[in-house]
Structure formats: structure tokens, C-alpha cells
Amino acid sequence: KVKLTTNKAIQTATFALKMDVKPEKDETQEPASTQMVISDGNI
């Protein structure tokens, strides 16, 4: 569980994950992007 605290209030935090897992059918693996949960504005 990753927890970040920022210096100011955040509107969105885009989390992009890229694992070194062999892609199927020679496809290029793209990072999986999700939005982090924001609480108290900057956590």
C-alpha cells in the first residue's frame, strides 16, 4: 500500500504501473493507469 503526502491540495493523482511481465502474442505492455484515492486534499 503506497501512501503519498503532497505539499498542496491535489485534483488528480494518476498512478501508472508497469510490470516486467512477458506480454502475450508479442504485444507491447502498456502501463496500467489508475487514479489514486485522495483524502484530506493532499494524502
All heavy atoms as atom14 arrays in JSON, in Angstrom:
{
  "sequence": "KVKLTTNKAIQTATFALKMDVKPEKDETQEPASTQMVISDGNI",
  "atom14_mask": [
    [1, 1, 1, 1, 1, 1, 1, 1, 1, 0, 0, 0, 0, 0],
    [1, 1, 1, 1, 1, 1, 1, 0, 0, 0, 0, 0, 0, 0],
    [1, 1, 1, 1, 1, 1, 1, 1, 1, 0, 0, 0, 0, 0],
    [1, 1, 1, 1, 1, 1, 1, 1, 0, 0, 0, 0, 0, 0],
    [1, 1, 1, 1, 1, 1, 1, 0, 0, 0, 0, 0, 0, 0],
    [1, 1, 1, 1, 1, 1, 1, 0, 0, 0, 0, 0, 0, 0],
    [1, 1, 1, 1, 1, 1, 1, 1, 0, 0, 0, 0, 0, 0],
    [1, 1, 1, 1, 1, 1, 1, 1, 1, 0, 0, 0, 0, 0],
    [1, 1, 1, 1, 1, 0, 0, 0, 0, 0, 0, 0, 0, 0],
    [1, 1, 1, 1, 1, 1, 1, 1, 0, 0, 0, 0, 0, 0],
    [1, 1, 1, 1, 1, 1, 1, 1, 1, 0, 0, 0, 0, 0],
    [1, 1, 1, 1, 1, 1, 1, 0, 0, 0, 0, 0, 0, 0],
    [1, 1, 1, 1, 1, 0, 0, 0, 0, 0, 0, 0, 0, 0],
    [1, 1, 1, 1, 1, 1, 1, 0, 0, 0, 0, 0, 0, 0],
    [1, 1, 1, 1, 1, 1, 1, 1, 1, 1, 1, 0, 0, 0],
    [1, 1, 1, 1, 1, 0, 0, 0, 0, 0, 0, 0, 0, 0],
    [1, 1, 1, 1, 1, 1, 1, 1, 0, 0, 0, 0, 0, 0],
    [1, 1, 1, 1, 1, 1, 1, 1, 1, 0, 0, 0, 0, 0],
    [1, 1, 1, 1, 1, 1, 1, 1, 0, 0, 0, 0, 0, 0],
    [1, 1, 1, 1, 1, 1, 1, 1, 0, 0, 0, 0, 0, 0],
    [1, 1, 1, 1, 1, 1, 1, 0, 0, 0, 0, 0, 0, 0],
    [1, 1, 1, 1, 1, 1, 1, 1, 1, 0, 0, 0, 0, 0],
    [1, 1, 1, 1, 1, 1, 1, 0, 0, 0, 0, 0, 0, 0],
    [1, 1, 1, 1, 1, 1, 1, 1, 1, 0, 0, 0, 0, 0],
    [1, 1, 1, 1, 1, 1, 1, 1, 1, 0, 0, 0, 0, 0],
    [1, 1, 1, 1, 1, 1, 1, 1, 0, 0, 0, 0, 0, 0],
    [1, 1, 1, 1, 1, 1, 1, 1, 1, 0, 0, 0, 0, 0],
    [1, 1, 1, 1, 1, 1, 1, 0, 0, 0, 0, 0, 0, 0],
    [1, 1, 1, 1, 1, 1, 1, 1, 1, 0, 0, 0, 0, 0],
    [1, 1, 1, 1, 1, 1, 1, 1, 1, 0, 0, 0, 0, 0],
    [1, 1, 1, 1, 1, 1, 1, 0, 0, 0, 0, 0, 0, 0],
    [1, 1, 1, 1, 1, 0, 0, 0, 0, 0, 0, 0, 0, 0],
    [1, 1, 1, 1, 1, 1, 0, 0, 0, 0, 0, 0, 0, 0],
    [1, 1, 1, 1, 1, 1, 1, 0, 0, 0, 0, 0, 0, 0],
    [1, 1, 1, 1, 1, 1, 1, 1, 1, 0, 0, 0, 0, 0],
    [1, 1, 1, 1, 1, 1, 1, 1, 0, 0, 0, 0, 0, 0],
    [1, 1, 1, 1, 1, 1, 1, 0, 0, 0, 0, 0, 0, 0],
    [1, 1, 1, 1, 1, 1, 1, 1, 0, 0, 0, 0, 0, 0],
    [1, 1, 1, 1, 1, 1, 0, 0, 0, 0, 0, 0, 0, 0],
    [1, 1, 1, 1, 1, 1, 1, 1, 0, 0, 0, 0, 0, 0],
    [1, 1, 1, 1, 0, 0, 0, 0, 0, 0, 0, 0, 0, 0],
    [1, 1, 1, 1, 1, 1, 1, 1, 0, 0, 0, 0, 0, 0],
    [1, 1, 1, 1, 1, 1, 1, 1, 0, 0, 0, 0, 0, 0]
  ],
  "atom14_positions": [
    [[0.86, -1.19, 0.0], [0.0, 0.0, 0.0], [0.89, 1.24, 0.0], [1.63, 1.48, 0.94], [-0.92, 0.01, 1.21], [-1.88, 1.21, 1.22], [-2.83, 1.16, 2.42], [-3.81, 2.33, 2.4], [-4.73, 2.28, 3.55], [0.0, 0.0, 0.0], [0.0, 0.0, 0.0], [0.0, 0.0, 0.0], [0.0, 0.0, 0.0], [0.0, 0.0, 0.0]],
    [[0.82, 2.0, -1.08], [1.64, 3.2, -1.24], [0.85, 4.4, -0.73], [-0.31, 4.6, -1.12], [2.03, 3.41, -2.71], [2.9, 4.65, -2.86], [2.76, 2.18, -3.25], [0.0, 0.0, 0.0], [0.0, 0.0, 0.0], [0.0, 0.0, 0.0], [0.0, 0.0, 0.0], [0.0, 0.0, 0.0], [0.0, 0.0, 0.0], [0.0, 0.0, 0.0]],
    [[1.51, 5.21, 0.11], [0.87, 6.41, 0.66], [1.78, 7.61, 0.42], [2.94, 7.61, 0.82], [0.61, 6.24, 2.16], [-0.02, 7.46, 2.82], [-0.21, 7.23, 4.31], [-0.79, 8.45, 5.01], [-0.93, 8.23, 6.48], [0.0, 0.0, 0.0], [0.0, 0.0, 0.0], [0.0, 0.0, 0.0], [0.0, 0.0, 0.0], [0.0, 0.0, 0.0]],
    [[1.24, 8.64, -0.26], [1.99, 9.86, -0.55], [1.33, 11.05, 0.13], [0.1, 11.15, 0.19], [2.03, 10.12, -2.06], [2.5, 9.0, -2.99], [2.36, 9.44, -4.44], [3.93, 8.64, -2.69], [0.0, 0.0, 0.0], [0.0, 0.0, 0.0], [0.0, 0.0, 0.0], [0.0, 0.0, 0.0], [0.0, 0.0, 0.0], [0.0, 0.0, 0.0]],
    [[2.16, 11.95, 0.62], [1.67, 13.23, 1.14], [2.3, 14.33, 0.3], [3.52, 14.33, 0.08], [2.05, 13.43, 2.61], [1.51, 12.35, 3.39], [1.5, 14.74, 3.15], [0.0, 0.0, 0.0], [0.0, 0.0, 0.0], [0.0, 0.0, 0.0], [0.0, 0.0, 0.0], [0.0, 0.0, 0.0], [0.0, 0.0, 0.0], [0.0, 0.0, 0.0]],
    [[1.49, 15.24, -0.21], [1.98, 16.29, -1.09], [2.0, 17.64, -0.38], [1.42, 17.81, 0.7], [1.11, 16.39, -2.36], [-0.24, 16.7, -1.98], [1.14, 15.08, -3.11], [0.0, 0.0, 0.0], [0.0, 0.0, 0.0], [0.0, 0.0, 0.0], [0.0, 0.0, 0.0], [0.0, 0.0, 0.0], [0.0, 0.0, 0.0], [0.0, 0.0, 0.0]],
    [[2.65, 18.59, -1.03], [2.81, 19.93, -0.43], [1.57, 20.79, -0.58], [1.49, 21.87, -0.01], [4.0, 20.63, -1.07], [3.81, 20.8, -2.58], [3.17, 19.99, -3.22], [4.38, 21.86, -3.14], [0.0, 0.0, 0.0], [0.0, 0.0, 0.0], [0.0, 0.0, 0.0], [0.0, 0.0, 0.0], [0.0, 0.0, 0.0], [0.0, 0.0, 0.0]],
    [[0.6, 20.34, -1.36], [-0.6, 21.15, -1.61], [-1.74, 20.22, -2.0], [-1.54, 19.03, -2.26], [-0.33, 22.17, -2.72], [0.03, 21.52, -4.03], [0.58, 22.53, -5.04], [-0.38, 23.66, -5.3], [0.11, 24.61, -6.3], [0.0, 0.0, 0.0], [0.0, 0.0, 0.0], [0.0, 0.0, 0.0], [0.0, 0.0, 0.0], [0.0, 0.0, 0.0]],
    [[-2.92, 20.79, -2.05], [-4.1, 20.01, -2.41], [-4.0, 19.53, -3.86], [-3.54, 20.26, -4.75], [-5.37, 20.84, -2.21], [0.0, 0.0, 0.0], [0.0, 0.0, 0.0], [0.0, 0.0, 0.0], [0.0, 0.0, 0.0], [0.0, 0.0, 0.0], [0.0, 0.0, 0.0], [0.0, 0.0, 0.0], [0.0, 0.0, 0.0], [0.0, 0.0, 0.0]],
    [[-4.43, 18.3, -4.08], [-4.3, 17.66, -5.38], [-5.69, 17.43, -5.99], [-6.62, 17.0, -5.31], [-3.54, 16.33, -5.25], [-2.13, 16.57, -4.73], [-3.51, 15.59, -6.58], [-1.27, 17.44, -5.62], [0.0, 0.0, 0.0], [0.0, 0.0, 0.0], [0.0, 0.0, 0.0], [0.0, 0.0, 0.0], [0.0, 0.0, 0.0], [0.0, 0.0, 0.0]],
    [[-5.79, 17.72, -7.29], [-7.05, 17.47, -8.0], [-7.13, 16.02, -8.46], [-8.13, 15.35, -8.23], [-7.14, 18.41, -9.21], [-8.42, 18.29, -10.0], [-8.42, 19.27, -11.17], [-9.08, 19.03, -12.18], [-7.71, 20.37, -11.05], [0.0, 0.0, 0.0], [0.0, 0.0, 0.0], [0.0, 0.0, 0.0], [0.0, 0.0, 0.0], [0.0, 0.0, 0.0]],
    [[-6.06, 15.54, -9.11], [-5.99, 14.13, -9.51], [-4.55, 13.64, -9.35], [-3.59, 14.42, -9.49], [-6.41, 13.92, -10.98], [-5.54, 14.66, -11.84], [-7.85, 14.32, -11.21], [0.0, 0.0, 0.0], [0.0, 0.0, 0.0], [0.0, 0.0, 0.0], [0.0, 0.0, 0.0], [0.0, 0.0, 0.0], [0.0, 0.0, 0.0], [0.0, 0.0, 0.0]],
    [[-4.4, 12.34, -9.07], [-3.09, 11.7, -8.98], [-3.17, 10.43, -9.82], [-3.84, 9.47, -9.45], [-2.74, 11.38, -7.53], [0.0, 0.0, 0.0], [0.0, 0.0, 0.0], [0.0, 0.0, 0.0], [0.0, 0.0, 0.0], [0.0, 0.0, 0.0], [0.0, 0.0, 0.0], [0.0, 0.0, 0.0], [0.0, 0.0, 0.0], [0.0, 0.0, 0.0]],
    [[-2.49, 10.44, -10.96], [-2.52, 9.31, -11.89], [-1.39, 8.36, -11.57], [-0.21, 8.74, -11.59], [-2.41, 9.79, -13.34], [-3.46, 10.73, -13.6], [-2.53, 8.62, -14.3], [0.0, 0.0, 0.0], [0.0, 0.0, 0.0], [0.0, 0.0, 0.0], [0.0, 0.0, 0.0], [0.0, 0.0, 0.0], [0.0, 0.0, 0.0], [0.0, 0.0, 0.0]],
    [[-1.76, 7.12, -11.27], [-0.79, 6.08, -10.89], [-0.63, 5.13, -12.07], [-1.6, 4.49, -12.5], [-1.31, 5.34, -9.65], [-0.38, 4.29, -9.12], [0.56, 4.59, -8.15], [-0.45, 2.97, -9.58], [1.42, 3.63, -7.65], [0.4, 2.0, -9.09], [1.34, 2.33, -8.12], [0.0, 0.0, 0.0], [0.0, 0.0, 0.0], [0.0, 0.0, 0.0]],
    [[0.58, 5.05, -12.63], [0.84, 4.19, -13.79], [1.8, 3.08, -13.38], [2.91, 3.35, -12.93], [1.42, 5.0, -14.94], [0.0, 0.0, 0.0], [0.0, 0.0, 0.0], [0.0, 0.0, 0.0], [0.0, 0.0, 0.0], [0.0, 0.0, 0.0], [0.0, 0.0, 0.0], [0.0, 0.0, 0.0], [0.0, 0.0, 0.0], [0.0, 0.0, 0.0]],
    [[1.35, 1.83, -13.56], [2.12, 0.67, -13.14], [2.6, -0.1, -14.36], [1.83, -0.39, -15.28], [1.25, -0.24, -12.26], [1.85, -1.58, -11.8], [3.03, -1.35, -10.87], [0.78, -2.41, -11.1], [0.0, 0.0, 0.0], [0.0, 0.0, 0.0], [0.0, 0.0, 0.0], [0.0, 0.0, 0.0], [0.0, 0.0, 0.0], [0.0, 0.0, 0.0]],
    [[3.89, -0.45, -14.38], [4.44, -1.24, -15.47], [5.27, -2.37, -14.89], [6.29, -2.15, -14.25], [5.3, -0.39, -16.4], [5.78, -1.17, -17.64], [6.49, -0.27, -18.62], [6.88, -1.05, -19.88], [7.56, -0.2, -20.88], [0.0, 0.0, 0.0], [0.0, 0.0, 0.0], [0.0, 0.0, 0.0], [0.0, 0.0, 0.0], [0.0, 0.0, 0.0]],
    [[4.79, -3.61, -15.09], [5.48, -4.8, -14.6], [6.27, -5.45, -15.74], [5.84, -5.42, -16.9], [4.48, -5.81, -14.03], [3.8, -5.35, -12.75], [4.91, -5.36, -11.34], [3.73, -5.17, -10.0], [0.0, 0.0, 0.0], [0.0, 0.0, 0.0], [0.0, 0.0, 0.0], [0.0, 0.0, 0.0], [0.0, 0.0, 0.0], [0.0, 0.0, 0.0]],
    [[7.42, -6.02, -15.38], [8.23, -6.73, -16.38], [7.69, -8.14, -16.59], [8.36, -9.14, -16.33], [9.69, -6.79, -15.93], [10.32, -5.4, -15.85], [9.78, -4.49, -16.5], [11.32, -5.24, -15.15], [0.0, 0.0, 0.0], [0.0, 0.0, 0.0], [0.0, 0.0, 0.0], [0.0, 0.0, 0.0], [0.0, 0.0, 0.0], [0.0, 0.0, 0.0]],
    [[6.46, -8.21, -17.06], [5.81, -9.49, -17.35], [5.78, -9.65, -18.85], [5.41, -8.73, -19.58], [4.39, -9.54, -16.77], [3.73, -10.87, -17.12], [4.42, -9.33, -15.27], [0.0, 0.0, 0.0], [0.0, 0.0, 0.0], [0.0, 0.0, 0.0], [0.0, 0.0, 0.0], [0.0, 0.0, 0.0], [0.0, 0.0, 0.0], [0.0, 0.0, 0.0]],
    [[6.16, -10.84, -19.32], [6.21, -11.09, -20.76], [4.83, -10.92, -21.36], [3.89, -11.6, -20.98], [6.73, -12.5, -21.04], [6.94, -12.78, -22.51], [7.52, -14.17, -22.72], [7.73, -14.46, -24.19], [8.29, -15.82, -24.42], [0.0, 0.0, 0.0], [0.0, 0.0, 0.0], [0.0, 0.0, 0.0], [0.0, 0.0, 0.0], [0.0, 0.0, 0.0]],
    [[4.68, -9.99, -22.32], [3.36, -9.78, -22.94], [2.96, -10.96, -23.82], [3.81, -11.67, -24.34], [3.56, -8.51, -23.78], [5.03, -8.5, -24.08], [5.7, -9.11, -22.88], [0.0, 0.0, 0.0], [0.0, 0.0, 0.0], [0.0, 0.0, 0.0], [0.0, 0.0, 0.0], [0.0, 0.0, 0.0], [0.0, 0.0, 0.0], [0.0, 0.0, 0.0]],
    [[1.66, -11.16, -23.96], [1.16, -12.25, -24.8], [1.11, -11.81, -26.26], [0.84, -10.64, -26.57], [-0.23, -12.68, -24.32], [-0.22, -13.27, -22.91], [-1.6, -13.74, -22.5], [-2.53, -13.6, -23.32], [-1.75, -14.22, -21.37], [0.0, 0.0, 0.0], [0.0, 0.0, 0.0], [0.0, 0.0, 0.0], [0.0, 0.0, 0.0], [0.0, 0.0, 0.0]],
    [[1.37, -12.74, -27.17], [1.28, -12.52, -28.61], [2.13, -11.33, -29.06], [1.74, -10.53, -29.91], [-0.18, -12.29, -29.01], [-1.09, -13.48, -28.7], [-2.5, -13.21, -29.13], [-3.41, -14.39, -28.8], [-4.83, -14.15, -29.18], [0.0, 0.0, 0.0], [0.0, 0.0, 0.0], [0.0, 0.0, 0.0], [0.0, 0.0, 0.0], [0.0, 0.0, 0.0]],
    [[3.31, -11.2, -28.42], [4.28, -10.17, -28.82], [3.71, -8.76, -28.76], [4.14, -7.86, -29.49], [4.82, -10.45, -30.23], [5.55, -11.77, -30.31], [6.18, -12.13, -29.3], [5.5, -12.42, -31.36], [0.0, 0.0, 0.0], [0.0, 0.0, 0.0], [0.0, 0.0, 0.0], [0.0, 0.0, 0.0], [0.0, 0.0, 0.0], [0.0, 0.0, 0.0]],
    [[2.74, -8.55, -27.9], [2.19, -7.22, -27.75], [3.02, -6.43, -26.75], [3.54, -6.97, -25.78], [0.73, -7.28, -27.27], [-0.21, -7.95, -28.27], [-1.61, -8.05, -27.71], [-1.79, -7.71, -26.52], [-2.52, -8.47, -28.44], [0.0, 0.0, 0.0], [0.0, 0.0, 0.0], [0.0, 0.0, 0.0], [0.0, 0.0, 0.0], [0.0, 0.0, 0.0]],
    [[3.14, -5.12, -27.01], [3.89, -4.26, -26.09], [3.06, -3.98, -24.86], [1.89, -3.59, -24.96], [4.27, -2.94, -26.79], [5.02, -3.23, -27.96], [5.09, -2.07, -25.85], [0.0, 0.0, 0.0], [0.0, 0.0, 0.0], [0.0, 0.0, 0.0], [0.0, 0.0, 0.0], [0.0, 0.0, 0.0], [0.0, 0.0, 0.0], [0.0, 0.0, 0.0]],
    [[3.68, -4.17, -23.7], [2.94, -3.96, -22.46], [2.83, -2.46, -22.17], [3.84, -1.75, -22.14], [3.64, -4.66, -21.3], [2.87, -4.53, -19.99], [3.7, -4.97, -18.81], [4.92, -4.88, -18.85], [3.06, -5.41, -17.76], [0.0, 0.0, 0.0], [0.0, 0.0, 0.0], [0.0, 0.0, 0.0], [0.0, 0.0, 0.0], [0.0, 0.0, 0.0]],
    [[1.64, -1.98, -21.98], [1.43, -0.58, -21.65], [1.18, -0.45, -20.15], [0.57, -1.32, -19.53], [0.22, -0.03, -22.42], [0.4, -0.02, -23.93], [1.51, 0.91, -24.37], [1.79, 1.87, -23.63], [2.09, 0.67, -25.45], [0.0, 0.0, 0.0], [0.0, 0.0, 0.0], [0.0, 0.0, 0.0], [0.0, 0.0, 0.0], [0.0, 0.0, 0.0]],
    [[1.66, 0.64, -19.55], [1.42, 0.83, -18.12], [-0.08, 0.88, -17.82], [-0.85, 1.46, -18.58], [2.08, 2.19, -17.83], [3.07, 2.39, -18.95], [2.45, 1.72, -20.14], [0.0, 0.0, 0.0], [0.0, 0.0, 0.0], [0.0, 0.0, 0.0], [0.0, 0.0, 0.0], [0.0, 0.0, 0.0], [0.0, 0.0, 0.0], [0.0, 0.0, 0.0]],
    [[-0.47, 0.26, -16.72], [-1.87, 0.28, -16.29], [-2.08, 1.52, -15.42], [-1.5, 1.65, -14.35], [-2.2, -0.98, -15.51], [0.0, 0.0, 0.0], [0.0, 0.0, 0.0], [0.0, 0.0, 0.0], [0.0, 0.0, 0.0], [0.0, 0.0, 0.0], [0.0, 0.0, 0.0], [0.0, 0.0, 0.0], [0.0, 0.0, 0.0], [0.0, 0.0, 0.0]],
    [[-2.88, 2.46, -15.91], [-3.09, 3.73, -15.21], [-4.36, 3.68, -14.38], [-5.41, 3.25, -14.87], [-3.16, 4.89, -16.2], [-1.93, 5.03, -16.89], [0.0, 0.0, 0.0], [0.0, 0.0, 0.0], [0.0, 0.0, 0.0], [0.0, 0.0, 0.0], [0.0, 0.0, 0.0], [0.0, 0.0, 0.0], [0.0, 0.0, 0.0], [0.0, 0.0, 0.0]],
    [[-4.26, 4.12, -13.16], [-5.42, 4.23, -12.28], [-5.3, 5.55, -11.51], [-4.25, 6.2, -11.51], [-5.49, 3.08, -11.27], [-4.27, 3.04, -10.5], [-5.66, 1.74, -11.98], [0.0, 0.0, 0.0], [0.0, 0.0, 0.0], [0.0, 0.0, 0.0], [0.0, 0.0, 0.0], [0.0, 0.0, 0.0], [0.0, 0.0, 0.0], [0.0, 0.0, 0.0]],
    [[-6.39, 5.93, -10.87], [-6.38, 7.14, -10.06], [-6.22, 6.78, -8.59], [-6.91, 5.9, -8.08], [-7.69, 7.93, -10.26], [-7.88, 8.45, -11.67], [-6.78, 9.4, -12.1], [-6.4, 10.31, -11.35], [-6.26, 9.2, -13.31], [0.0, 0.0, 0.0], [0.0, 0.0, 0.0], [0.0, 0.0, 0.0], [0.0, 0.0, 0.0], [0.0, 0.0, 0.0]],
    [[-5.28, 7.45, -7.94], [-5.07, 7.21, -6.51], [-6.22, 7.83, -5.73], [-6.85, 8.81, -6.16], [-3.73, 7.8, -6.06], [-2.51, 7.22, -6.77], [-0.93, 7.85, -6.13], [-0.84, 6.99, -4.54], [0.0, 0.0, 0.0], [0.0, 0.0, 0.0], [0.0, 0.0, 0.0], [0.0, 0.0, 0.0], [0.0, 0.0, 0.0], [0.0, 0.0, 0.0]],
    [[-6.49, 7.24, -4.57], [-7.53, 7.77, -3.68], [-6.96, 8.98, -2.96], [-5.86, 8.93, -2.4], [-7.97, 6.7, -2.67], [-8.99, 7.28, -1.7], [-8.55, 5.49, -3.4], [0.0, 0.0, 0.0], [0.0, 0.0, 0.0], [0.0, 0.0, 0.0], [0.0, 0.0, 0.0], [0.0, 0.0, 0.0], [0.0, 0.0, 0.0], [0.0, 0.0, 0.0]],
    [[-7.72, 10.09, -2.98], [-7.26, 11.34, -2.35], [-8.1, 11.59, -1.1], [-9.33, 11.56, -1.14], [-7.4, 12.53, -3.31], [-6.59, 12.26, -4.58], [-6.92, 13.82, -2.65], [-6.77, 13.33, -5.65], [0.0, 0.0, 0.0], [0.0, 0.0, 0.0], [0.0, 0.0, 0.0], [0.0, 0.0, 0.0], [0.0, 0.0, 0.0], [0.0, 0.0, 0.0]],
    [[-7.43, 11.84, 0.02], [-8.12, 12.19, 1.26], [-7.45, 13.41, 1.87], [-6.23, 13.6, 1.72], [-8.11, 11.02, 2.25], [-6.78, 10.61, 2.53], [0.0, 0.0, 0.0], [0.0, 0.0, 0.0], [0.0, 0.0, 0.0], [0.0, 0.0, 0.0], [0.0, 0.0, 0.0], [0.0, 0.0, 0.0], [0.0, 0.0, 0.0], [0.0, 0.0, 0.0]],
    [[-8.24, 14.24, 2.53], [-7.75, 15.48, 3.15], [-7.02, 16.37, 2.14], [-6.15, 17.17, 2.52], [-6.82, 15.18, 4.33], [-7.53, 14.45, 5.46], [-8.75, 14.66, 5.6], [-6.88, 13.69, 6.19], [0.0, 0.0, 0.0], [0.0, 0.0, 0.0], [0.0, 0.0, 0.0], [0.0, 0.0, 0.0], [0.0, 0.0, 0.0], [0.0, 0.0, 0.0]],
    [[-7.33, 16.22, 0.88], [-6.77, 17.1, -0.13], [-5.39, 16.73, -0.63], [-5.1, 16.86, -1.82], [0.0, 0.0, 0.0], [0.0, 0.0, 0.0], [0.0, 0.0, 0.0], [0.0, 0.0, 0.0], [0.0, 0.0, 0.0], [0.0, 0.0, 0.0], [0.0, 0.0, 0.0], [0.0, 0.0, 0.0], [0.0, 0.0, 0.0], [0.0, 0.0, 0.0]],
    [[-4.52, 16.25, 0.26], [-3.12, 16.02, -0.15], [-2.56, 14.68, 0.31], [-1.34, 14.49, 0.33], [-2.24, 17.14, 0.38], [-2.11, 17.13, 1.9], [-3.01, 16.65, 2.59], [-1.01, 17.64, 2.4], [0.0, 0.0, 0.0], [0.0, 0.0, 0.0], [0.0, 0.0, 0.0], [0.0, 0.0, 0.0], [0.0, 0.0, 0.0], [0.0, 0.0, 0.0]],
    [[-3.42, 13.74, 0.7], [-2.94, 12.4, 1.07], [-3.46, 11.42, 0.02], [-4.67, 11.29, -0.19], [-3.43, 12.0, 2.47], [-2.85, 12.96, 3.53], [-3.02, 10.56, 2.79], [-3.31, 12.69, 4.94], [0.0, 0.0, 0.0], [0.0, 0.0, 0.0], [0.0, 0.0, 0.0], [0.0, 0.0, 0.0], [0.0, 0.0, 0.0], [0.0, 0.0, 0.0]]
  ]
}
